[in-house]
Amino acid sequence: MVLELLINPGKAEREPWELFFVGLVYSSVAIFLSLYIFKQYVGIVMVFLTTIACTYLIQGTLRREEKKDLHSGGNDKVH
């Protein structure tokens, strides 16, 4: 998928300031698509499309953090 090429979880961790621009692109595309295709339900469709676009990044970040936690032994948890 093309969205995976824009930014991956590793790059997002190294350069977090780029996530602002990626989010801006995702939300702008979602706004224009929802205005063009779904004129009656613009708000909910915009949120849906933005969420779908960010799903890959969030899922990859959660996997990456889980691997870090498993490698550290999970000793840094607060009781």
C-alpha atoms as a PDB file:
ATOM      1  CA  MET A   1       0.000   0.000   0.000  1.00  0.00           C
ATOM      2  CA  VAL A   2       1.236   3.516  -0.745  1.00  0.00           C
ATOM      3  CA  LEU A   3       0.585   4.885   2.745  1.00  0.00           C
ATOM      4  CA  GLU A   4       3.128   2.450   4.172  1.00  0.00           C
ATOM      5  CA  LEU A   5       5.817   4.051   2.031  1.00  0.00           C
ATOM      6  CA  LEU A   6       5.240   7.528   3.473  1.00  0.00           C
ATOM      7  CA  ILE A   7       6.233   6.661   7.010  1.00  0.00           C
ATOM      8  CA  ASN A   8       6.829   3.495   9.015  1.00  0.00           C
ATOM      9  CA  PRO A   9       6.944   3.061  12.810  1.00  0.00           C
ATOM     10  CA  GLY A  10      10.751   3.066  12.927  1.00  0.00           C
ATOM     11  CA  LYS A  11      11.012   6.303  10.998  1.00  0.00           C
ATOM     12  CA  ALA A  12       8.215   7.784  13.111  1.00  0.00           C
ATOM     13  CA  GLU A  13      10.205   7.039  16.257  1.00  0.00           C
ATOM     14  CA  ARG A  14      13.378   8.586  14.858  1.00  0.00           C
ATOM     15  CA  GLU A  15      11.685  11.670  13.368  1.00  0.00           C
ATOM     16  CA  PRO A  16       8.423  12.343  15.238  1.00  0.00           C
ATOM     17  CA  TRP A  17       8.000  15.858  13.824  1.00  0.00           C
ATOM     18  CA  GLU A  18       7.218  14.337  10.414  1.00  0.00           C
ATOM     19  CA  LEU A  19       4.065  12.764  11.878  1.00  0.00           C
ATOM     20  CA  PHE A  20       2.472  16.202  12.002  1.00  0.00           C
ATOM     21  CA  PHE A  21       2.797  16.573   8.246  1.00  0.00           C
ATOM     22  CA  VAL A  22       1.691  12.999   7.580  1.00  0.00           C
ATOM     23  CA  GLY A  23      -1.396  13.593   9.737  1.00  0.00           C
ATOM     24  CA  LEU A  24      -2.047  16.822   7.856  1.00  0.00           C
ATOM     25  CA  VAL A  25      -1.908  14.985   4.523  1.00  0.00           C
ATOM     26  CA  TYR A  26      -4.127  12.140   5.769  1.00  0.00           C
ATOM     27  CA  SER A  27      -6.768  14.493   7.152  1.00  0.00           C
ATOM     28  CA  SER A  28      -6.710  16.758   4.092  1.00  0.00           C
ATOM     29  CA  VAL A  29      -7.255  13.853   1.742  1.00  0.00           C
ATOM     30  CA  ALA A  30     -10.035  12.554   3.999  1.00  0.00           C
ATOM     31  CA  ILE A  31     -11.737  15.964   4.017  1.00  0.00           C
ATOM     32  CA  PHE A  32     -11.680  16.294   0.235  1.00  0.00           C
ATOM     33  CA  LEU A  33     -12.847  12.714  -0.355  1.00  0.00           C
ATOM     34  CA  SER A  34     -15.670  13.010   2.144  1.00  0.00           C
ATOM     35  CA  LEU A  35     -16.781  16.354   0.702  1.00  0.00           C
ATOM     36  CA  TYR A  36     -16.696  14.999  -2.834  1.00  0.00           C
ATOM     37  CA  ILE A  37     -18.279  11.593  -2.289  1.00  0.00           C
ATOM     38  CA  PHE A  38     -20.370  11.778   0.907  1.00  0.00           C
ATOM     39  CA  LYS A  39     -21.791  15.294   1.113  1.00  0.00           C
ATOM     40  CA  GLN A  40     -24.452  14.437   3.657  1.00  0.00           C
ATOM     41  CA  TYR A  41     -22.133  12.672   6.153  1.00  0.00           C
ATOM     42  CA  VAL A  42     -18.915  14.671   5.817  1.00  0.00           C
ATOM     43  CA  GLY A  43     -17.938  14.665   9.492  1.00  0.00           C
ATOM     44  CA  ILE A  44     -18.221  10.961  10.243  1.00  0.00           C
ATOM     45  CA  VAL A  45     -16.717   9.877   6.914  1.00  0.00           C
ATOM     46  CA  MET A  46     -13.768  12.231   7.391  1.00  0.00           C
ATOM     47  CA  VAL A  47     -13.004  10.711  10.807  1.00  0.00           C
ATOM     48  CA  PHE A  48     -13.439   7.193   9.404  1.00  0.00           C
ATOM     49  CA  LEU A  49     -11.075   7.757   6.467  1.00  0.00           C
ATOM     50  CA  THR A  50      -8.439   9.416   8.661  1.00  0.00           C
ATOM     51  CA  THR A  51      -8.613   6.533  11.126  1.00  0.00           C
ATOM     52  CA  ILE A  52      -8.276   3.951   8.376  1.00  0.00           C
ATOM     53  CA  ALA A  53      -5.239   5.774   6.981  1.00  0.00           C
ATOM     54  CA  CYS A  54      -3.516   5.841  10.400  1.00  0.00           C
ATOM     55  CA  THR A  55      -4.265   2.221  11.306  1.00  0.00           C
ATOM     56  CA  TYR A  56      -1.069   0.809   9.786  1.00  0.00           C
ATOM     57  CA  LEU A  57       1.135   3.253  11.661  1.00  0.00           C
ATOM     58  CA  ILE A  58      -0.600   2.715  14.998  1.00  0.00           C
ATOM     59  CA  GLN A  59      -0.556  -1.073  14.655  1.00  0.00           C
ATOM     60  CA  GLY A  60       3.146  -1.064  13.752  1.00  0.00           C
ATOM     61  CA  THR A  61       3.960   1.225  16.661  1.00  0.00           C
ATOM     62  CA  LEU A  62       2.126  -1.017  19.111  1.00  0.00           C
ATOM     63  CA  ARG A  63       3.983  -4.086  17.797  1.00  0.00           C
ATOM     64  CA  ARG A  64       7.298  -2.273  18.080  1.00  0.00           C
ATOM     65  CA  GLU A  65       6.617  -1.181  21.662  1.00  0.00           C
ATOM     66  CA  GLU A  66       5.515  -4.687  22.603  1.00  0.00           C
ATOM     67  CA  LYS A  67       8.764  -6.135  21.262  1.00  0.00           C
ATOM     68  CA  LYS A  68      10.750  -3.561  23.239  1.00  0.00           C
ATOM     69  CA  ASP A  69       8.829  -4.473  26.368  1.00  0.00           C
ATOM     70  CA  LEU A  70       9.462  -8.191  25.845  1.00  0.00           C
ATOM     71  CA  HIS A  71      13.193  -7.632  25.282  1.00  0.00           C
ATOM     72  CA  SER A  72      13.527  -5.473  28.386  1.00  0.00           C
ATOM     73  CA  GLY A  73      11.823  -8.152  30.462  1.00  0.00           C
ATOM     74  CA  GLY A  74       8.955  -5.909  31.475  1.00  0.00           C
ATOM     75  CA  ASN A  75      10.822  -4.748  34.587  1.00  0.00           C
ATOM     76  CA  ASP A  76       9.886  -1.097  34.147  1.00  0.00           C
ATOM     77  CA  LYS A  77       6.187  -1.575  35.015  1.00  0.00           C
ATOM     78  CA  VAL A  78       4.678   0.494  37.804  1.00  0.00           C
ATOM     79  CA  HIS A  79       2.984  -1.504  40.574  1.00  0.00           C
END
